[in-house]
């Protein structure tokens, strides 16, 4: 988690220094940062089954039941 926080914080600092004009550019930068950080993960995600059961409740507009 610490590694993730450091990588994410570095991106936020760089993003604010670059002065992005629109929200989509910021989201794209954060998305790419998350992808780069998670590529290095080796262990499986803990409690993934419990999380997947919550997704339809939290994001009902994205799921067709």
PDB file of N, CA and C in Angstrom:
ATOM      1  N   UNK A   1       0.826  -1.193   0.000  1.00  0.00           N
ATOM      2  CA  UNK A   1       0.000   0.000   0.000  1.00  0.00           C
ATOM      3  C   UNK A   1       0.868   1.254   0.000  1.00  0.00           C
ATOM      4  N   UNK A   2       1.980   1.208   0.714  1.00  0.00           N
ATOM      5  CA  UNK A   2       2.865   2.367   0.744  1.00  0.00           C
ATOM      6  C   UNK A   2       3.402   2.687  -0.643  1.00  0.00           C
ATOM      7  N   UNK A   3       3.775   1.641  -1.369  1.00  0.00           N
ATOM      8  CA  UNK A   3       4.298   1.828  -2.722  1.00  0.00           C
ATOM      9  C   UNK A   3       3.242   2.489  -3.609  1.00  0.00           C
ATOM     10  N   UNK A   4       2.013   2.051  -3.470  1.00  0.00           N
ATOM     11  CA  UNK A   4       0.916   2.619  -4.246  1.00  0.00           C
ATOM     12  C   UNK A   4       0.732   4.098  -3.907  1.00  0.00           C
ATOM     13  N   UNK A   5       0.761   4.419  -2.615  1.00  0.00           N
ATOM     14  CA  UNK A   5       0.575   5.808  -2.177  1.00  0.00           C
ATOM     15  C   UNK A   5       1.676   6.714  -2.704  1.00  0.00           C
ATOM     16  N   UNK A   6       2.919   6.230  -2.653  1.00  0.00           N
ATOM     17  CA  UNK A   6       4.038   7.039  -3.151  1.00  0.00           C
ATOM     18  C   UNK A   6       3.911   7.298  -4.646  1.00  0.00           C
ATOM     19  N   UNK A   7       3.577   6.264  -5.405  1.00  0.00           N
ATOM     20  CA  UNK A   7       3.421   6.427  -6.844  1.00  0.00           C
ATOM     21  C   UNK A   7       2.278   7.352  -7.195  1.00  0.00           C
ATOM     22  N   UNK A   8       1.199   7.223  -6.464  1.00  0.00           N
ATOM     23  CA  UNK A   8       0.023   8.053  -6.705  1.00  0.00           C
ATOM     24  C   UNK A   8       0.311   9.509  -6.349  1.00  0.00           C
ATOM     25  N   UNK A   9       0.983   9.728  -5.226  1.00  0.00           N
ATOM     26  CA  UNK A   9       1.317  11.084  -4.796  1.00  0.00           C
ATOM     27  C   UNK A   9       2.249  11.753  -5.797  1.00  0.00           C
ATOM     28  N   UNK A  10       3.221  11.003  -6.293  1.00  0.00           N
ATOM     29  CA  UNK A  10       4.135  11.549  -7.294  1.00  0.00           C
ATOM     30  C   UNK A  10       3.400  12.000  -8.538  1.00  0.00           C
ATOM     31  N   UNK A  11       2.419  11.247  -8.943  1.00  0.00           N
ATOM     32  CA  UNK A  11       1.629  11.601 -10.119  1.00  0.00           C
ATOM     33  C   UNK A  11       0.802  12.849  -9.871  1.00  0.00           C
ATOM     34  N   UNK A  12       0.225  12.953  -8.698  1.00  0.00           N
ATOM     35  CA  UNK A  12      -0.584  14.133  -8.365  1.00  0.00           C
ATOM     36  C   UNK A  12       0.282  15.383  -8.373  1.00  0.00           C
ATOM     37  N   UNK A  13       1.484  15.277  -7.826  1.00  0.00           N
ATOM     38  CA  UNK A  13       2.394  16.428  -7.798  1.00  0.00           C
ATOM     39  C   UNK A  13       2.794  16.816  -9.216  1.00  0.00           C
ATOM     40  N   UNK A  14       3.147  15.835 -10.033  1.00  0.00           N
ATOM     41  CA  UNK A  14       3.526  16.118 -11.421  1.00  0.00           C
ATOM     42  C   UNK A  14       2.341  16.694 -12.189  1.00  0.00           C
ATOM     43  N   UNK A  15       1.162  16.108 -11.987  1.00  0.00           N
ATOM     44  CA  UNK A  15      -0.039  16.583 -12.680  1.00  0.00           C
ATOM     45  C   UNK A  15      -0.382  18.011 -12.329  1.00  0.00           C
ATOM     46  N   UNK A  16      -0.233  18.367 -11.056  1.00  0.00           N
ATOM     47  CA  UNK A  16      -0.545  19.742 -10.670  1.00  0.00           C
ATOM     48  C   UNK A  16       0.516  20.708 -11.184  1.00  0.00           C
ATOM     49  N   UNK A  17       1.756  20.246 -11.302  1.00  0.00           N
ATOM     50  CA  UNK A  17       2.817  21.107 -11.831  1.00  0.00           C
ATOM     51  C   UNK A  17       2.621  21.361 -13.324  1.00  0.00           C
ATOM     52  N   UNK A  18       2.087  20.366 -14.035  1.00  0.00           N
ATOM     53  CA  UNK A  18       1.856  20.526 -15.466  1.00  0.00           C
ATOM     54  C   UNK A  18       0.639  21.395 -15.754  1.00  0.00           C
ATOM     55  N   UNK A  19      -0.252  21.529 -14.797  1.00  0.00           N
ATOM     56  CA  UNK A  19      -1.421  22.397 -14.947  1.00  0.00           C
ATOM     57  C   UNK A  19      -2.403  21.916 -15.993  1.00  0.00           C
ATOM     58  N   UNK A  20      -2.970  20.738 -15.799  1.00  0.00           N
ATOM     59  CA  UNK A  20      -3.939  20.213 -16.752  1.00  0.00           C
ATOM     60  C   UNK A  20      -5.176  21.099 -16.790  1.00  0.00           C
ATOM     61  N   UNK A  21      -5.685  21.288 -17.996  1.00  0.00           N
ATOM     62  CA  UNK A  21      -6.836  22.167 -18.178  1.00  0.00           C
ATOM     63  C   UNK A  21      -8.173  21.462 -17.988  1.00  0.00           C
ATOM     64  N   UNK A  22      -8.241  20.210 -18.404  1.00  0.00           N
ATOM     65  CA  UNK A  22      -9.535  19.534 -18.309  1.00  0.00           C
ATOM     66  C   UNK A  22      -9.458  18.294 -17.428  1.00  0.00           C
ATOM     67  N   UNK A  23     -10.612  17.903 -16.965  1.00  0.00           N
ATOM     68  CA  UNK A  23     -10.738  16.790 -16.026  1.00  0.00           C
ATOM     69  C   UNK A  23     -10.342  15.461 -16.660  1.00  0.00           C
ATOM     70  N   UNK A  24     -10.635  15.294 -17.944  1.00  0.00           N
ATOM     71  CA  UNK A  24     -10.322  14.035 -18.622  1.00  0.00           C
ATOM     72  C   UNK A  24      -8.824  13.761 -18.647  1.00  0.00           C
ATOM     73  N   UNK A  25      -8.020  14.786 -18.819  1.00  0.00           N
ATOM     74  CA  UNK A  25      -6.564  14.611 -18.825  1.00  0.00           C
ATOM     75  C   UNK A  25      -6.065  14.135 -17.472  1.00  0.00           C
ATOM     76  N   UNK A  26      -6.624  14.666 -16.425  1.00  0.00           N
ATOM     77  CA  UNK A  26      -6.233  14.261 -15.070  1.00  0.00           C
ATOM     78  C   UNK A  26      -6.634  12.815 -14.824  1.00  0.00           C
ATOM     79  N   UNK A  27      -7.861  12.444 -15.205  1.00  0.00           N
ATOM     80  CA  UNK A  27      -8.312  11.066 -15.017  1.00  0.00           C
ATOM     81  C   UNK A  27      -7.465  10.087 -15.830  1.00  0.00           C
ATOM     82  N   UNK A  28      -7.081  10.482 -17.037  1.00  0.00           N
ATOM     83  CA  UNK A  28      -6.235   9.615 -17.859  1.00  0.00           C
ATOM     84  C   UNK A  28      -4.874   9.407 -17.206  1.00  0.00           C
ATOM     85  N   UNK A  29      -4.297  10.468 -16.673  1.00  0.00           N
ATOM     86  CA  UNK A  29      -3.010  10.359 -15.989  1.00  0.00           C
ATOM     87  C   UNK A  29      -3.114   9.450 -14.772  1.00  0.00           C
ATOM     88  N   UNK A  30      -4.168   9.593 -13.988  1.00  0.00           N
ATOM     89  CA  UNK A  30      -4.359   8.746 -12.811  1.00  0.00           C
ATOM     90  C   UNK A  30      -4.600   7.294 -13.209  1.00  0.00           C
ATOM     91  N   UNK A  31      -5.365   7.072 -14.263  1.00  0.00           N
ATOM     92  CA  UNK A  31      -5.626   5.719 -14.749  1.00  0.00           C
ATOM     93  C   UNK A  31      -4.329   5.039 -15.179  1.00  0.00           C
ATOM     94  N   UNK A  32      -3.516   5.739 -15.942  1.00  0.00           N
ATOM     95  CA  UNK A  32      -2.247   5.170 -16.394  1.00  0.00           C
ATOM     96  C   UNK A  32      -1.303   4.910 -15.232  1.00  0.00           C
ATOM     97  N   UNK A  33      -1.323   5.780 -14.236  1.00  0.00           N
ATOM     98  CA  UNK A  33      -0.491   5.575 -13.050  1.00  0.00           C
ATOM     99  C   UNK A  33      -0.915   4.326 -12.300  1.00  0.00           C
ATOM    100  N   UNK A  34      -2.207   4.153 -12.112  1.00  0.00           N
ATOM    101  CA  UNK A  34      -2.706   2.960 -11.419  1.00  0.00           C
ATOM    102  C   UNK A  34      -2.324   1.702 -12.191  1.00  0.00           C
ATOM    103  N   UNK A  35      -2.440   1.739 -13.516  1.00  0.00           N
ATOM    104  CA  UNK A  35      -2.049   0.576 -14.320  1.00  0.00           C
ATOM    105  C   UNK A  35      -0.572   0.258 -14.163  1.00  0.00           C
ATOM    106  N   UNK A  36       0.275   1.271 -14.180  1.00  0.00           N
ATOM    107  CA  UNK A  36       1.716   1.038 -14.040  1.00  0.00           C
ATOM    108  C   UNK A  36       2.071   0.494 -12.665  1.00  0.00           C
ATOM    109  N   UNK A  37       1.418   0.987 -11.637  1.00  0.00           N
ATOM    110  CA  UNK A  37       1.709   0.523 -10.278  1.00  0.00           C
ATOM    111  C   UNK A  37       1.239  -0.918 -10.105  1.00  0.00           C
ATOM    112  N   UNK A  38       0.048  -1.232 -10.584  1.00  0.00           N
ATOM    113  CA  UNK A  38      -0.507  -2.571 -10.356  1.00  0.00           C
ATOM    114  C   UNK A  38       0.146  -3.642 -11.218  1.00  0.00           C
ATOM    115  N   UNK A  39       0.852  -3.281 -12.275  1.00  0.00           N
ATOM    116  CA  UNK A  39       1.575  -4.269 -13.077  1.00  0.00           C
ATOM    117  C   UNK A  39       2.630  -4.992 -12.250  1.00  0.00           C
ATOM    118  N   UNK A  40       3.146  -4.330 -11.245  1.00  0.00           N
ATOM    119  CA  UNK A  40       4.224  -4.882 -10.429  1.00  0.00           C
ATOM    120  C   UNK A  40       3.718  -5.775  -9.303  1.00  0.00           C
ATOM    121  N   UNK A  41       2.420  -5.820  -9.081  1.00  0.00           N
ATOM    122  CA  UNK A  41       1.871  -6.625  -7.993  1.00  0.00           C
ATOM    123  C   UNK A  41       1.983  -8.104  -8.339  1.00  0.00           C
ATOM    124  N   UNK A  42       2.383  -8.900  -7.375  1.00  0.00           N
ATOM    125  CA  UNK A  42       2.563 -10.331  -7.589  1.00  0.00           C
ATOM    126  C   UNK A  42       1.531 -11.178  -6.849  1.00  0.00           C
ATOM    127  N   UNK A  43       1.045 -10.702  -5.741  1.00  0.00           N
ATOM    128  CA  UNK A  43       0.107 -11.484  -4.928  1.00  0.00           C
ATOM    129  C   UNK A  43      -1.333 -11.240  -5.366  1.00  0.00           C
ATOM    130  N   UNK A  44      -2.195 -12.244  -5.189  1.00  0.00           N
ATOM    131  CA  UNK A  44      -3.606 -12.035  -5.534  1.00  0.00           C
ATOM    132  C   UNK A  44      -4.269 -11.039  -4.577  1.00  0.00           C
ATOM    133  N   UNK A  45      -5.329 -10.434  -5.039  1.00  0.00           N
ATOM    134  CA  UNK A  45      -6.053  -9.451  -4.242  1.00  0.00           C
ATOM    135  C   UNK A  45      -6.821 -10.168  -3.136  1.00  0.00           C
ATOM    136  N   UNK A  46      -6.671  -9.688  -1.912  1.00  0.00           N
ATOM    137  CA  UNK A  46      -7.354 -10.297  -0.774  1.00  0.00           C
ATOM    138  C   UNK A  46      -8.846  -9.958  -0.806  1.00  0.00           C
ATOM    139  N   UNK A  47      -9.653 -10.913  -0.431  1.00  0.00           N
ATOM    140  CA  UNK A  47     -11.111 -10.743  -0.316  1.00  0.00           C
ATOM    141  C   UNK A  47     -11.767 -10.266  -1.613  1.00  0.00           C
ATOM    142  N   UNK A  48     -11.238 -10.726  -2.737  1.00  0.00           N
ATOM    143  CA  UNK A  48     -11.775 -10.299  -4.025  1.00  0.00           C
ATOM    144  C   UNK A  48     -13.212 -10.776  -4.215  1.00  0.00           C
ATOM    145  N   UNK A  49     -13.526 -11.982  -3.750  1.00  0.00           N
ATOM    146  CA  UNK A  49     -14.891 -12.501  -3.898  1.00  0.00           C
ATOM    147  C   UNK A  49     -15.900 -11.629  -3.148  1.00  0.00           C
ATOM    148  N   UNK A  50     -15.532 -11.188  -1.970  1.00  0.00           N
ATOM    149  CA  UNK A  50     -16.431 -10.321  -1.198  1.00  0.00           C
ATOM    150  C   UNK A  50     -16.626  -8.985  -1.913  1.00  0.00           C
ATOM    151  N   UNK A  51     -15.564  -8.476  -2.504  1.00  0.00           N
ATOM    152  CA  UNK A  51     -15.657  -7.202  -3.218  1.00  0.00           C
ATOM    153  C   UNK A  51     -16.535  -7.331  -4.454  1.00  0.00           C
ATOM    154  N   UNK A  52     -16.377  -8.435  -5.198  1.00  0.00           N
ATOM    155  CA  UNK A  52     -17.167  -8.589  -6.420  1.00  0.00           C
ATOM    156  C   UNK A  52     -18.658  -8.718  -6.142  1.00  0.00           C
ATOM    157  N   UNK A  53     -19.012  -9.198  -4.979  1.00  0.00           N
ATOM    158  CA  UNK A  53     -20.441  -9.266  -4.662  1.00  0.00           C
ATOM    159  C   UNK A  53     -21.011  -7.886  -4.336  1.00  0.00           C
ATOM    160  N   UNK A  54     -20.165  -6.949  -3.950  1.00  0.00           N
ATOM    161  CA  UNK A  54     -20.615  -5.585  -3.655  1.00  0.00           C
ATOM    162  C   UNK A  54     -20.720  -4.711  -4.906  1.00  0.00           C
ATOM    163  N   UNK A  55     -20.001  -5.051  -5.959  1.00  0.00           N
ATOM    164  CA  UNK A  55     -19.983  -4.214  -7.155  1.00  0.00           C
ATOM    165  C   UNK A  55     -21.363  -3.974  -7.766  1.00  0.00           C
ATOM    166  N   UNK A  56     -22.208  -5.002  -7.927  1.00  0.00           N
ATOM    167  CA  UNK A  56     -23.542  -4.731  -8.502  1.00  0.00           C
ATOM    168  C   UNK A  56     -24.387  -3.779  -7.655  1.00  0.00           C
ATOM    169  N   UNK A  57     -24.170  -3.773  -6.365  1.00  0.00           N
ATOM    170  CA  UNK A  57     -24.924  -2.872  -5.490  1.00  0.00           C
ATOM    171  C   UNK A  57     -24.399  -1.448  -5.636  1.00  0.00           C
ATOM    172  N   UNK A  58     -23.078  -1.309  -5.622  1.00  0.00           N
ATOM    173  CA  UNK A  58     -22.472   0.020  -5.680  1.00  0.00           C
ATOM    174  C   UNK A  58     -22.566   0.653  -7.067  1.00  0.00           C
ATOM    175  N   UNK A  59     -22.460  -0.177  -8.102  1.00  0.00           N
ATOM    176  CA  UNK A  59     -22.447   0.327  -9.476  1.00  0.00           C
ATOM    177  C   UNK A  59     -23.583  -0.296 -10.278  1.00  0.00           C
ATOM    178  N   UNK A  60     -24.792  -0.173  -9.782  1.00  0.00           N
ATOM    179  CA  UNK A  60     -25.942  -0.835 -10.407  1.00  0.00           C
ATOM    180  C   UNK A  60     -26.183  -0.374 -11.845  1.00  0.00           C
ATOM    181  N   UNK A  61     -25.849   0.862 -12.156  1.00  0.00           N
ATOM    182  CA  UNK A  61     -26.075   1.362 -13.509  1.00  0.00           C
ATOM    183  C   UNK A  61     -25.142   0.712 -14.527  1.00  0.00           C
ATOM    184  N   UNK A  62     -24.070   0.080 -14.077  1.00  0.00           N
ATOM    185  CA  UNK A  62     -23.117  -0.560 -14.990  1.00  0.00           C
ATOM    186  C   UNK A  62     -23.355  -2.059 -15.142  1.00  0.00           C
ATOM    187  N   UNK A  63     -24.274  -2.613 -14.368  1.00  0.00           N
ATOM    188  CA  UNK A  63     -24.544  -4.045 -14.405  1.00  0.00           C
ATOM    189  C   UNK A  63     -25.958  -4.291 -14.895  1.00  0.00           C
ATOM    190  N   UNK A  64     -26.096  -5.283 -15.765  1.00  0.00           N
ATOM    191  CA  UNK A  64     -27.442  -5.696 -16.178  1.00  0.00           C
ATOM    192  C   UNK A  64     -27.734  -7.034 -15.511  1.00  0.00           C
ATOM    193  N   UNK A  65     -28.708  -7.022 -14.639  1.00  0.00           N
ATOM    194  CA  UNK A  65     -29.042  -8.237 -13.884  1.00  0.00           C
ATOM    195  C   UNK A  65     -30.210  -8.961 -14.489  1.00  0.00           C
TER     196      UNK A  65
END
